[in-house]
Amino acid sequence: MSNTNKATFAGGCFWCMVKPFDQWDGVHRVISGYTGGKLENPTYEEVKKGDTGHYEAVQITFDPAIIKYETILDLYWKQIDPTDDGGQFQDRGDQYRAAVFYHDEQQLEIAAASKQALEQSGKFSKPIVTEILPAVTFYPAEDYHQDFYKKSAKEYEEDRAKSGRDEFIAKVWKK
């Protein structure tokens, strides 16, 4: 297997954060899970209560010779509302906040420059509040959450449709 890196992002409901990355050459795997909290091996039921400190997140394993971290980061920004610190779209609470988790100093530098460029782009009238944090232990979510958009396509599409995410993406990015 070729050399791989990891990228970890929180962007609200992890169901909606898998498909945008899963379909790119060079992305080997996208795992839904939890990171940033104080409880070891949290469950979905524990995290969704909002008091463990965890974020719902995705961890992407990719080949940097095929897809660059910058490309993955650009895809990430186009999946979230970086001005919302109370969750993402219909999903409210600390567990649904957006964050970039960097795995090394190079990712930190790239993420900080990317966030600054987004702030200066004029796309948003409110400040960019998405945090850039060091990666910590990532706990994969339960099996039924993995590849949810494939396993439960109808429920995924219904949930995504009512979330407001797609309308936001179309308004901000597809003008």
Protein backbone atom coordinates (compact mmCIF):
# COMPACT_ATOMS: atom_id res chain seq x y z
CA MET A 1 0.00 0.00 0.00
CA SER A 2 1.23 3.48 -0.80
CA ASN A 3 2.12 6.14 1.73
CA THR A 4 -1.01 7.48 3.46
CA ASN A 5 -1.91 10.42 5.66
CA LYS A 6 -4.92 11.20 7.79
CA ALA A 7 -7.20 14.23 7.83
CA THR A 8 -9.80 14.66 10.57
CA PHE A 9 -12.73 17.06 10.38
CA ALA A 10 -15.88 17.78 12.35
CA GLY A 11 -18.70 19.27 10.34
CA GLY A 12 -21.96 18.49 12.07
CA CYS A 13 -23.66 15.16 11.52
CA PHE A 14 -21.00 12.73 10.37
CA TRP A 15 -23.44 11.01 8.01
CA CYS A 16 -23.29 14.08 5.77
CA MET A 17 -19.51 14.35 5.93
CA VAL A 18 -18.57 10.97 4.43
CA LYS A 19 -19.88 11.03 0.86
CA PRO A 20 -18.21 14.32 -0.21
CA PHE A 21 -14.76 12.82 0.51
CA ASP A 22 -15.43 9.16 -0.22
CA GLN A 23 -15.72 9.65 -3.96
CA TRP A 24 -12.28 11.11 -4.71
CA ASP A 25 -9.31 9.25 -6.18
CA GLY A 26 -6.64 8.88 -3.54
CA VAL A 27 -9.08 8.70 -0.63
CA HIS A 28 -8.77 5.19 0.76
CA ARG A 29 -11.23 5.37 3.61
CA VAL A 30 -13.57 7.74 5.44
CA ILE A 31 -14.55 6.69 8.96
CA SER A 32 -17.31 8.27 11.03
CA GLY A 33 -16.44 8.68 14.69
CA TYR A 34 -15.89 10.83 17.73
CA THR A 35 -12.93 12.94 18.83
CA GLY A 36 -12.00 15.70 21.24
CA GLY A 37 -13.85 14.50 24.33
CA LYS A 38 -13.06 13.33 27.80
CA LEU A 39 -14.68 9.87 27.71
CA GLU A 40 -12.79 6.85 26.37
CA ASN A 41 -14.62 4.74 23.77
CA PRO A 42 -17.79 6.83 23.71
CA THR A 43 -20.99 5.54 22.19
CA TYR A 44 -23.33 7.42 19.91
CA GLU A 45 -25.91 7.60 22.68
CA GLU A 46 -23.36 9.19 25.03
CA VAL A 47 -22.03 11.69 22.48
CA LYS A 48 -25.44 12.82 21.24
CA LYS A 49 -26.33 13.96 24.78
CA GLY A 50 -23.71 16.67 24.25
CA ASP A 51 -21.86 16.43 27.56
CA THR A 52 -18.83 14.25 26.71
CA GLY A 53 -16.95 17.02 24.90
CA HIS A 54 -16.67 14.93 21.73
CA TYR A 55 -17.30 16.14 18.22
CA GLU A 56 -18.98 13.95 15.62
CA ALA A 57 -16.19 13.76 13.06
CA VAL A 58 -14.77 11.94 10.07
CA GLN A 59 -11.26 10.64 9.70
CA ILE A 60 -10.02 10.39 6.12
CA THR A 61 -7.11 8.16 5.09
CA PHE A 62 -5.65 9.42 1.83
CA ASP A 63 -2.66 9.11 -0.47
CA PRO A 64 -1.00 12.55 -0.67
CA ALA A 65 0.63 11.60 -3.98
CA ILE A 66 -2.86 11.39 -5.52
CA ILE A 67 -4.89 13.94 -3.53
CA LYS A 68 -3.31 16.74 -1.56
CA TYR A 69 -4.34 17.79 1.95
CA GLU A 70 -5.10 21.24 0.49
CA THR A 71 -7.70 19.70 -1.83
CA ILE A 72 -9.32 17.76 1.00
CA LEU A 73 -9.36 20.89 3.15
CA ASP A 74 -10.97 22.88 0.33
CA LEU A 75 -13.66 20.19 0.05
CA TYR A 76 -14.20 20.41 3.81
CA TRP A 77 -14.83 24.16 3.86
CA LYS A 78 -17.46 23.68 1.15
CA GLN A 79 -19.44 21.23 3.33
CA ILE A 80 -19.94 23.41 6.41
CA ASP A 81 -21.04 26.81 7.65
CA PRO A 82 -17.74 28.02 9.14
CA THR A 83 -19.51 30.95 10.84
CA ASP A 84 -21.72 28.78 13.08
CA ASP A 85 -20.31 27.90 16.51
CA GLY A 86 -23.50 26.28 17.81
CA GLY A 87 -23.53 23.23 15.55
CA GLN A 88 -24.17 22.74 11.87
CA PHE A 89 -27.47 23.28 10.11
CA GLN A 90 -30.29 21.38 11.87
CA ASP A 91 -27.87 19.66 14.23
CA ARG A 92 -27.36 21.83 17.29
CA GLY A 93 -25.00 21.40 20.22
CA ASP A 94 -21.30 21.16 20.96
CA GLN A 95 -21.06 17.66 19.49
CA TYR A 96 -22.02 19.11 16.08
CA ARG A 97 -19.54 22.02 16.01
CA ALA A 98 -17.17 22.29 13.08
CA ALA A 99 -13.41 21.88 13.57
CA VAL A 100 -10.26 20.97 11.68
CA PHE A 101 -8.02 18.56 13.61
CA TYR A 102 -4.42 18.73 12.41
CA HIS A 103 -2.10 15.72 12.58
CA ASP A 104 1.22 17.54 12.15
CA GLU A 105 2.72 21.00 11.86
CA GLN A 106 2.39 21.02 8.08
CA GLN A 107 -1.36 20.41 8.33
CA LEU A 108 -1.61 23.17 10.96
CA GLU A 109 0.13 25.66 8.64
CA ILE A 110 -2.00 24.66 5.64
CA ALA A 111 -5.24 24.77 7.66
CA ALA A 112 -4.41 28.17 9.19
CA ALA A 113 -3.57 29.64 5.77
CA SER A 114 -6.73 28.14 4.28
CA LYS A 115 -8.89 29.56 7.07
CA GLN A 116 -7.28 32.98 6.64
CA ALA A 117 -7.91 32.89 2.88
CA LEU A 118 -11.55 31.98 3.54
CA GLU A 119 -11.85 34.88 6.02
CA GLN A 120 -10.44 37.26 3.40
CA SER A 121 -12.54 35.88 0.54
CA GLY A 122 -15.61 37.96 1.35
CA LYS A 123 -17.89 34.91 1.04
CA PHE A 124 -19.13 35.35 4.60
CA SER A 125 -20.33 38.47 6.38
CA LYS A 126 -19.86 36.88 9.81
CA PRO A 127 -16.50 35.82 11.27
CA ILE A 128 -15.12 32.34 10.59
CA VAL A 129 -15.36 30.53 13.94
CA THR A 130 -14.33 27.00 12.94
CA GLU A 131 -11.47 26.03 15.21
CA ILE A 132 -8.19 24.41 14.19
CA LEU A 133 -7.23 21.96 16.93
CA PRO A 134 -4.58 19.28 17.43
CA ALA A 135 -5.78 15.79 16.55
CA VAL A 136 -6.41 13.60 19.56
CA THR A 137 -7.73 10.06 19.91
CA PHE A 138 -10.33 9.24 17.27
CA TYR A 139 -12.92 6.64 18.18
CA PRO A 140 -14.74 5.00 15.25
CA ALA A 141 -18.50 5.17 15.55
CA GLU A 142 -20.66 2.08 15.65
CA ASP A 143 -20.79 -0.03 12.47
CA TYR A 144 -24.28 1.10 11.51
CA HIS A 145 -22.96 4.69 11.16
CA GLN A 146 -20.17 3.70 8.75
CA ASP A 147 -20.95 4.44 5.09
CA PHE A 148 -24.47 5.38 6.14
CA TYR A 149 -25.16 7.07 2.81
CA LYS A 150 -24.68 3.67 1.12
CA LYS A 151 -26.28 1.38 3.72
CA SER A 152 -29.34 3.52 4.42
CA ALA A 153 -29.61 5.65 1.31
CA LYS A 154 -33.26 6.64 1.77
CA GLU A 155 -32.82 7.74 5.41
CA TYR A 156 -29.59 9.54 4.51
CA GLU A 157 -31.25 11.46 1.67
CA GLU A 158 -34.25 12.38 3.84
CA ASP A 159 -32.07 13.58 6.71
CA ARG A 160 -29.80 15.53 4.41
CA ALA A 161 -32.76 17.12 2.62
CA LYS A 162 -34.28 18.45 5.83
CA SER A 163 -30.96 19.63 7.27
CA GLY A 164 -30.58 22.75 5.10
CA ARG A 165 -26.99 21.82 4.27
CA ASP A 166 -27.49 21.51 0.52
CA GLU A 167 -29.33 24.83 0.25
CA PHE A 168 -26.51 26.54 2.14
CA ILE A 169 -23.83 24.93 -0.07
CA ALA A 170 -25.70 25.94 -3.23
CA LYS A 171 -26.17 29.50 -2.01
CA VAL A 172 -22.57 30.06 -0.91
CA TRP A 173 -20.51 27.94 -3.29
CA LYS A 174 -22.47 27.38 -6.47
CA LYS A 175 -23.34 30.92 -7.49
